[in-house]
C-alpha atoms as a PDB file:
ATOM      1  CA  MET A   1       3.051 -12.243 -19.563  1.00  0.00           C
ATOM      2  CA  GLU A   2       1.456  -9.339 -18.931  1.00  0.00           C
ATOM      3  CA  LEU A   3      -0.490 -10.894 -15.777  1.00  0.00           C
ATOM      4  CA  VAL A   4       3.123 -12.069 -14.108  1.00  0.00           C
ATOM      5  CA  ILE A   5       5.195  -8.912 -14.829  1.00  0.00           C
ATOM      6  CA  LEU A   6       1.769  -6.941 -12.782  1.00  0.00           C
ATOM      7  CA  ILE A   7       1.816  -9.433  -9.912  1.00  0.00           C
ATOM      8  CA  ILE A   8       5.641  -9.066  -9.598  1.00  0.00           C
ATOM      9  CA  GLY A   9       4.908  -5.379  -9.709  1.00  0.00           C
ATOM     10  CA  LEU A  10       2.648  -5.381  -6.971  1.00  0.00           C
ATOM     11  CA  LEU A  11       5.404  -7.576  -4.841  1.00  0.00           C
ATOM     12  CA  ILE A  12       7.719  -5.039  -5.408  1.00  0.00           C
ATOM     13  CA  ALA A  13       4.777  -2.641  -4.234  1.00  0.00           C
ATOM     14  CA  VAL A  14       3.911  -4.216  -0.975  1.00  0.00           C
ATOM     15  CA  ILE A  15       7.356  -5.128   0.253  1.00  0.00           C
ATOM     16  CA  PHE A  16       8.325  -1.320  -0.008  1.00  0.00           C
ATOM     17  CA  HIS A  17       5.036  -0.783   1.705  1.00  0.00           C
ATOM     18  CA  GLU A  18       5.422  -2.883   4.472  1.00  0.00           C
ATOM     19  CA  LEU A  19       9.383  -2.219   4.760  1.00  0.00           C
ATOM     20  CA  ALA A  20       8.668   1.613   5.476  1.00  0.00           C
ATOM     21  CA  HIS A  21       6.395   0.303   8.345  1.00  0.00           C
ATOM     22  CA  GLY A  22       9.447  -1.795   9.652  1.00  0.00           C
ATOM     23  CA  LEU A  23      12.330   0.961   8.871  1.00  0.00           C
ATOM     24  CA  VAL A  24       9.869   4.067  10.356  1.00  0.00           C
ATOM     25  CA  ALA A  25       8.807   1.470  13.734  1.00  0.00           C
ATOM     26  CA  ASP A  26      12.542   1.365  14.359  1.00  0.00           C
ATOM     27  CA  LYS A  27      13.373   4.595  14.107  1.00  0.00           C
ATOM     28  CA  LEU A  28      11.167   5.539  16.470  1.00  0.00           C
ATOM     29  CA  GLY A  29      12.569   2.922  19.437  1.00  0.00           C
ATOM     30  CA  ASP A  30      10.206  -0.719  18.602  1.00  0.00           C
ATOM     31  CA  ASP A  31      12.964  -3.419  16.931  1.00  0.00           C
ATOM     32  CA  THR A  32      10.199  -5.955  16.649  1.00  0.00           C
ATOM     33  CA  PRO A  33       9.851  -5.730  13.317  1.00  0.00           C
ATOM     34  CA  ARG A  34      14.109  -6.045  13.116  1.00  0.00           C
ATOM     35  CA  LEU A  35      13.829  -9.053  15.538  1.00  0.00           C
ATOM     36  CA  SER A  36      11.153 -10.956  13.000  1.00  0.00           C
ATOM     37  CA  GLY A  37      13.810  -9.959  10.432  1.00  0.00           C
ATOM     38  CA  ARG A  38      11.093  -8.017   8.420  1.00  0.00           C
ATOM     39  CA  LEU A  39      13.638  -5.096   8.037  1.00  0.00           C
ATOM     40  CA  THR A  40      14.236  -6.815   4.002  1.00  0.00           C
ATOM     41  CA  LEU A  41      13.585  -6.711   0.686  1.00  0.00           C
ATOM     42  CA  ASN A  42      14.199 -10.565   0.864  1.00  0.00           C
ATOM     43  CA  PRO A  43      10.838 -11.063  -1.037  1.00  0.00           C
ATOM     44  CA  ILE A  44      10.265 -14.268   1.341  1.00  0.00           C
ATOM     45  CA  ALA A  45      10.528 -12.230   4.752  1.00  0.00           C
ATOM     46  CA  HIS A  46       7.442  -9.889   3.521  1.00  0.00           C
ATOM     47  CA  LEU A  47       5.188 -12.064   1.289  1.00  0.00           C
ATOM     48  CA  ASP A  48       1.413 -14.016   1.914  1.00  0.00           C
ATOM     49  CA  PRO A  49       0.600 -16.905   0.269  1.00  0.00           C
ATOM     50  CA  ILE A  50      -3.182 -15.580  -0.416  1.00  0.00           C
ATOM     51  CA  GLY A  51      -2.612 -12.076  -0.439  1.00  0.00           C
ATOM     52  CA  SER A  52       0.542 -11.946  -2.321  1.00  0.00           C
ATOM     53  CA  PHE A  53      -0.231 -13.923  -4.873  1.00  0.00           C
ATOM     54  CA  LEU A  54      -3.517 -15.886  -5.129  1.00  0.00           C
ATOM     55  CA  LEU A  55      -5.974 -13.122  -4.452  1.00  0.00           C
ATOM     56  CA  PRO A  56      -3.848 -10.707  -7.235  1.00  0.00           C
ATOM     57  CA  PHE A  57      -4.145 -13.321  -9.635  1.00  0.00           C
ATOM     58  CA  LEU A  58      -8.002 -13.599  -8.825  1.00  0.00           C
ATOM     59  CA  SER A  59      -8.973 -10.686  -9.107  1.00  0.00           C
ATOM     60  CA  TYR A  60      -7.306 -10.168 -12.196  1.00  0.00           C
ATOM     61  CA  ILE A  61      -9.224 -12.796 -13.821  1.00  0.00           C
ATOM     62  CA  SER A  62     -12.220 -11.887 -12.165  1.00  0.00           C
ATOM     63  CA  ALA A  63     -12.360  -7.849 -12.518  1.00  0.00           C
ATOM     64  CA  GLY A  64      -9.447  -7.134 -14.619  1.00  0.00           C
ATOM     65  CA  PHE A  65      -7.147  -4.984 -11.937  1.00  0.00           C
ATOM     66  CA  ILE A  66      -4.569  -6.165  -9.500  1.00  0.00           C
ATOM     67  CA  PHE A  67      -4.882  -6.345  -5.796  1.00  0.00           C
ATOM     68  CA  GLY A  68      -3.396  -7.550  -3.103  1.00  0.00           C
ATOM     69  CA  TRP A  69      -0.725  -7.325   0.299  1.00  0.00           C
ATOM     70  CA  ALA A  70       2.021  -8.407   1.780  1.00  0.00           C
ATOM     71  CA  LYS A  71       2.782  -9.665   5.474  1.00  0.00           C
ATOM     72  CA  PRO A  72       1.560  -7.203   8.061  1.00  0.00           C
ATOM     73  CA  VAL A  73       4.665  -5.716   9.673  1.00  0.00           C
ATOM     74  CA  SER A  74       4.587  -6.798  13.596  1.00  0.00           C
ATOM     75  CA  VAL A  75       5.387  -3.725  16.252  1.00  0.00           C
ATOM     76  CA  ASN A  76       4.994  -3.403  19.741  1.00  0.00           C
ATOM     77  CA  PRO A  77       3.447   0.421  20.255  1.00  0.00           C
ATOM     78  CA  LEU A  78       4.697  -0.066  24.473  1.00  0.00           C
ATOM     79  CA  ASN A  79       8.251   0.345  22.685  1.00  0.00           C
ATOM     80  CA  PHE A  80       7.491   3.427  21.185  1.00  0.00           C
ATOM     81  CA  ARG A  81       7.607   6.843  23.649  1.00  0.00           C
ATOM     82  CA  ASN A  82       4.184   8.479  22.439  1.00  0.00           C
ATOM     83  CA  PRO A  83       2.076   5.086  21.459  1.00  0.00           C
ATOM     84  CA  ARG A  84      -0.633   6.547  19.468  1.00  0.00           C
ATOM     85  CA  ARG A  85       1.237   9.309  17.737  1.00  0.00           C
ATOM     86  CA  ASP A  86       4.012   6.734  17.483  1.00  0.00           C
ATOM     87  CA  MET A  87       1.742   4.422  15.969  1.00  0.00           C
ATOM     88  CA  ALA A  88       0.154   6.818  13.263  1.00  0.00           C
ATOM     89  CA  LEU A  89       3.526   7.355  11.639  1.00  0.00           C
ATOM     90  CA  VAL A  90       4.167   3.948  10.852  1.00  0.00           C
ATOM     91  CA  ALA A  91       0.817   3.260   9.329  1.00  0.00           C
ATOM     92  CA  LEU A  92       1.374   6.542   7.210  1.00  0.00           C
ATOM     93  CA  ALA A  93       4.523   5.140   5.636  1.00  0.00           C
ATOM     94  CA  GLY A  94       3.682   2.758   3.970  1.00  0.00           C
ATOM     95  CA  PRO A  95       1.198   4.878   1.654  1.00  0.00           C
ATOM     96  CA  VAL A  96       3.039   7.390   1.782  1.00  0.00           C
ATOM     97  CA  THR A  97       6.094   5.133   0.092  1.00  0.00           C
ATOM     98  CA  ASN A  98       3.615   3.766  -2.460  1.00  0.00           C
ATOM     99  CA  ILE A  99       2.576   7.546  -3.518  1.00  0.00           C
ATOM    100  CA  LEU A 100       6.722   7.998  -3.615  1.00  0.00           C
ATOM    101  CA  ILE A 101       6.899   5.551  -5.876  1.00  0.00           C
ATOM    102  CA  ALA A 102       4.255   6.007  -8.157  1.00  0.00           C
ATOM    103  CA  LEU A 103       5.708  10.122  -8.509  1.00  0.00           C
ATOM    104  CA  ILE A 104       9.384   8.364  -9.187  1.00  0.00           C
ATOM    105  CA  LEU A 105       7.797   6.066 -11.893  1.00  0.00           C
ATOM    106  CA  ILE A 106       5.921   8.845 -13.763  1.00  0.00           C
ATOM    107  CA  SER A 107       8.841  10.999 -13.013  1.00  0.00           C
ATOM    108  CA  LEU A 108      11.320   8.713 -15.115  1.00  0.00           C
ATOM    109  CA  LEU A 109       8.675   8.179 -18.247  1.00  0.00           C
ATOM    110  CA  LYS A 110       8.562  12.457 -18.341  1.00  0.00           C
ATOM    111  CA  ILE A 111      12.179  12.026 -19.194  1.00  0.00           C
ATOM    112  CA  PHE A 112      12.246   9.145 -20.861  1.00  0.00           C
ATOM    113  CA  LEU A 113       9.419  10.278 -23.020  1.00  0.00           C
ATOM    114  CA  ILE A 114      11.640  13.428 -23.290  1.00  0.00           C
ATOM    115  CA  PHE A 115      14.793  11.521 -24.652  1.00  0.00           C
ATOM    116  CA  GLU A 116      12.480   9.554 -26.830  1.00  0.00           C
ATOM    117  CA  PHE A 117      13.389   6.635 -25.408  1.00  0.00           C
ATOM    118  CA  THR A 118      11.530   3.429 -26.362  1.00  0.00           C
ATOM    119  CA  VAL A 119       9.113   3.177 -23.352  1.00  0.00           C
ATOM    120  CA  ASN A 120       5.565   1.333 -22.802  1.00  0.00           C
ATOM    121  CA  LYS A 121       3.707   4.340 -21.572  1.00  0.00           C
ATOM    122  CA  GLU A 122       0.593   2.655 -20.812  1.00  0.00           C
ATOM    123  CA  PHE A 123       2.277  -0.233 -19.100  1.00  0.00           C
ATOM    124  CA  ILE A 124       4.450   2.061 -16.609  1.00  0.00           C
ATOM    125  CA  LEU A 125       1.025   4.177 -15.786  1.00  0.00           C
ATOM    126  CA  ASN A 126      -0.237   1.419 -14.574  1.00  0.00           C
ATOM    127  CA  PHE A 127       2.399   0.872 -12.101  1.00  0.00           C
ATOM    128  CA  VAL A 128       1.862   4.385 -11.030  1.00  0.00           C
ATOM    129  CA  ARG A 129      -2.071   3.888 -10.588  1.00  0.00           C
ATOM    130  CA  LEU A 130      -1.303   0.267  -8.777  1.00  0.00           C
ATOM    131  CA  ASN A 131       0.805   1.941  -6.334  1.00  0.00           C
ATOM    132  CA  ILE A 132      -2.236   4.973  -5.999  1.00  0.00           C
ATOM    133  CA  LEU A 133      -4.374   1.983  -5.680  1.00  0.00           C
ATOM    134  CA  LEU A 134      -2.172   0.533  -2.230  1.00  0.00           C
ATOM    135  CA  ALA A 135      -2.144   3.898  -1.043  1.00  0.00           C
ATOM    136  CA  VAL A 136      -5.686   4.699  -1.091  1.00  0.00           C
ATOM    137  CA  PHE A 137      -6.871   1.902  -0.073  1.00  0.00           C
ATOM    138  CA  ASN A 138      -4.887   1.087   2.829  1.00  0.00           C
ATOM    139  CA  LEU A 139      -5.748   4.917   4.103  1.00  0.00           C
ATOM    140  CA  LEU A 140      -9.202   3.993   4.279  1.00  0.00           C
ATOM    141  CA  PRO A 141      -9.997   3.775   7.897  1.00  0.00           C
ATOM    142  CA  ILE A 142     -11.076   0.576   8.537  1.00  0.00           C
ATOM    143  CA  PRO A 143      -9.077  -1.958  10.666  1.00  0.00           C
ATOM    144  CA  PRO A 144      -6.691  -3.254  10.401  1.00  0.00           C
ATOM    145  CA  LEU A 145      -5.917  -1.356   7.597  1.00  0.00           C
ATOM    146  CA  ASP A 146      -3.281   2.096   7.982  1.00  0.00           C
ATOM    147  CA  GLY A 147      -6.357   4.388   8.026  1.00  0.00           C
ATOM    148  CA  SER A 148      -7.742   3.034  10.986  1.00  0.00           C
ATOM    149  CA  ARG A 149      -4.604   3.766  12.946  1.00  0.00           C
ATOM    150  CA  ILE A 150      -4.106   7.397  11.367  1.00  0.00           C
ATOM    151  CA  PHE A 151      -7.695   8.342  11.549  1.00  0.00           C
ATOM    152  CA  LEU A 152      -9.022   6.929  14.241  1.00  0.00           C
ATOM    153  CA  SER A 153      -6.446   6.692  16.857  1.00  0.00           C
ATOM    154  CA  PHE A 154      -8.200   9.612  18.711  1.00  0.00           C
ATOM    155  CA  LEU A 155     -10.520   7.112  19.686  1.00  0.00           C
ATOM    156  CA  PRO A 156     -10.629   5.212  23.005  1.00  0.00           C
ATOM    157  CA  THR A 157      -9.292   2.237  22.693  1.00  0.00           C
ATOM    158  CA  GLU A 158     -12.250   0.180  23.353  1.00  0.00           C
ATOM    159  CA  THR A 159     -13.339   1.419  20.557  1.00  0.00           C
ATOM    160  CA  GLN A 160     -10.615   0.576  18.165  1.00  0.00           C
ATOM    161  CA  LEU A 161     -10.814  -2.868  19.625  1.00  0.00           C
ATOM    162  CA  TYR A 162     -14.522  -3.043  19.413  1.00  0.00           C
ATOM    163  CA  LEU A 163     -14.465  -1.697  15.157  1.00  0.00           C
ATOM    164  CA  GLU A 164     -11.538  -4.354  14.875  1.00  0.00           C
ATOM    165  CA  GLN A 165     -13.875  -6.976  14.876  1.00  0.00           C
ATOM    166  CA  PHE A 166     -16.073  -6.122  11.811  1.00  0.00           C
ATOM    167  CA  GLY A 167     -12.872  -4.929   9.919  1.00  0.00           C
ATOM    168  CA  PHE A 168     -12.719  -7.831   7.639  1.00  0.00           C
ATOM    169  CA  ILE A 169     -16.006  -7.818   6.663  1.00  0.00           C
ATOM    170  CA  LEU A 170     -15.949  -3.827   6.011  1.00  0.00           C
ATOM    171  CA  ILE A 171     -12.868  -4.890   3.670  1.00  0.00           C
ATOM    172  CA  ILE A 172     -14.919  -7.382   2.006  1.00  0.00           C
ATOM    173  CA  PHE A 173     -17.496  -4.714   1.703  1.00  0.00           C
ATOM    174  CA  VAL A 174     -15.740  -2.094   0.537  1.00  0.00           C
ATOM    175  CA  ILE A 175     -13.634  -4.688  -2.439  1.00  0.00           C
ATOM    176  CA  PHE A 176     -17.138  -6.199  -3.259  1.00  0.00           C
ATOM    177  CA  PHE A 177     -19.374  -3.230  -3.371  1.00  0.00           C
ATOM    178  CA  ALA A 178     -17.539  -0.114  -3.071  1.00  0.00           C
ATOM    179  CA  PHE A 179     -14.434  -0.389  -4.799  1.00  0.00           C
ATOM    180  CA  GLY A 180     -16.028   1.608  -7.477  1.00  0.00           C
ATOM    181  CA  PHE A 181     -15.667   4.635  -5.243  1.00  0.00           C
ATOM    182  CA  VAL A 182     -11.577   3.767  -4.497  1.00  0.00           C
ATOM    183  CA  SER A 183     -11.157   3.456  -8.196  1.00  0.00           C
ATOM    184  CA  GLY A 184     -12.994   6.803  -8.768  1.00  0.00           C
ATOM    185  CA  ILE A 185     -10.050   8.571  -6.222  1.00  0.00           C
ATOM    186  CA  VAL A 186      -7.674   6.403  -7.621  1.00  0.00           C
ATOM    187  CA  ASN A 187      -8.148   7.719 -11.069  1.00  0.00           C
ATOM    188  CA  PHE A 188      -8.640  11.313  -9.878  1.00  0.00           C
ATOM    189  CA  LEU A 189      -5.319  10.933  -8.474  1.00  0.00           C
ATOM    190  CA  LEU A 190      -4.309   9.562 -11.587  1.00  0.00           C
ATOM    191  CA  ASP A 191      -5.004  12.219 -13.903  1.00  0.00           C
ATOM    192  CA  PHE A 192      -3.482  14.890 -11.648  1.00  0.00           C
ATOM    193  CA  LEU A 193      -0.236  13.258 -11.691  1.00  0.00           C
ATOM    194  CA  ILE A 194      -0.567  13.347 -16.002  1.00  0.00           C
ATOM    195  CA  LYS A 195      -1.817  16.697 -16.409  1.00  0.00           C
ATOM    196  CA  ILE A 196       1.157  17.761 -14.228  1.00  0.00           C
ATOM    197  CA  PHE A 197       4.216  15.422 -15.277  1.00  0.00           C
ATOM    198  CA  MET A 198       2.997  14.423 -18.844  1.00  0.00           C
ATOM    199  CA  VAL A 199       2.096  17.803 -20.508  1.00  0.00           C
END
């Protein structure tokens, strides 16, 4: 039952993440997400069978943590007034949304504790950690993660296209061999939020 609830929490997090990409792209002049039906909270429009269901299940069973993704939102940079800058803003929208969700959740937890509501503190903190994890992982400068659109946008287009060839391999490497580094950052940020909100 706990696994099911955690996967539902992951689905909510990734849906808002992708919706944020689409809304910012739409605001900046690209109607591709709107025309493809991605400006919605309907899970069917966003979920990926492998990234949204199979991977979260396998990651929880094998490693004890929940991880996954939704179907990426299609964006056409040619529709932007300033393609390089606007692509970076669209990319940043997803991780920022997950950080905002984490802040909202930990703020609600603080309120619940102040008014002595019955609440599972560790369970809510797991959802906070999940959103921080999505934000941090997506900010890695590895194609096609959001971080590559932000931190590598200053590189020539040819170089970016070259790096994209190795993106999937690098992501797999991080998941299996460098996830401890990512988790360390996530735990640091979570502890920081706990010290601010839970004292």
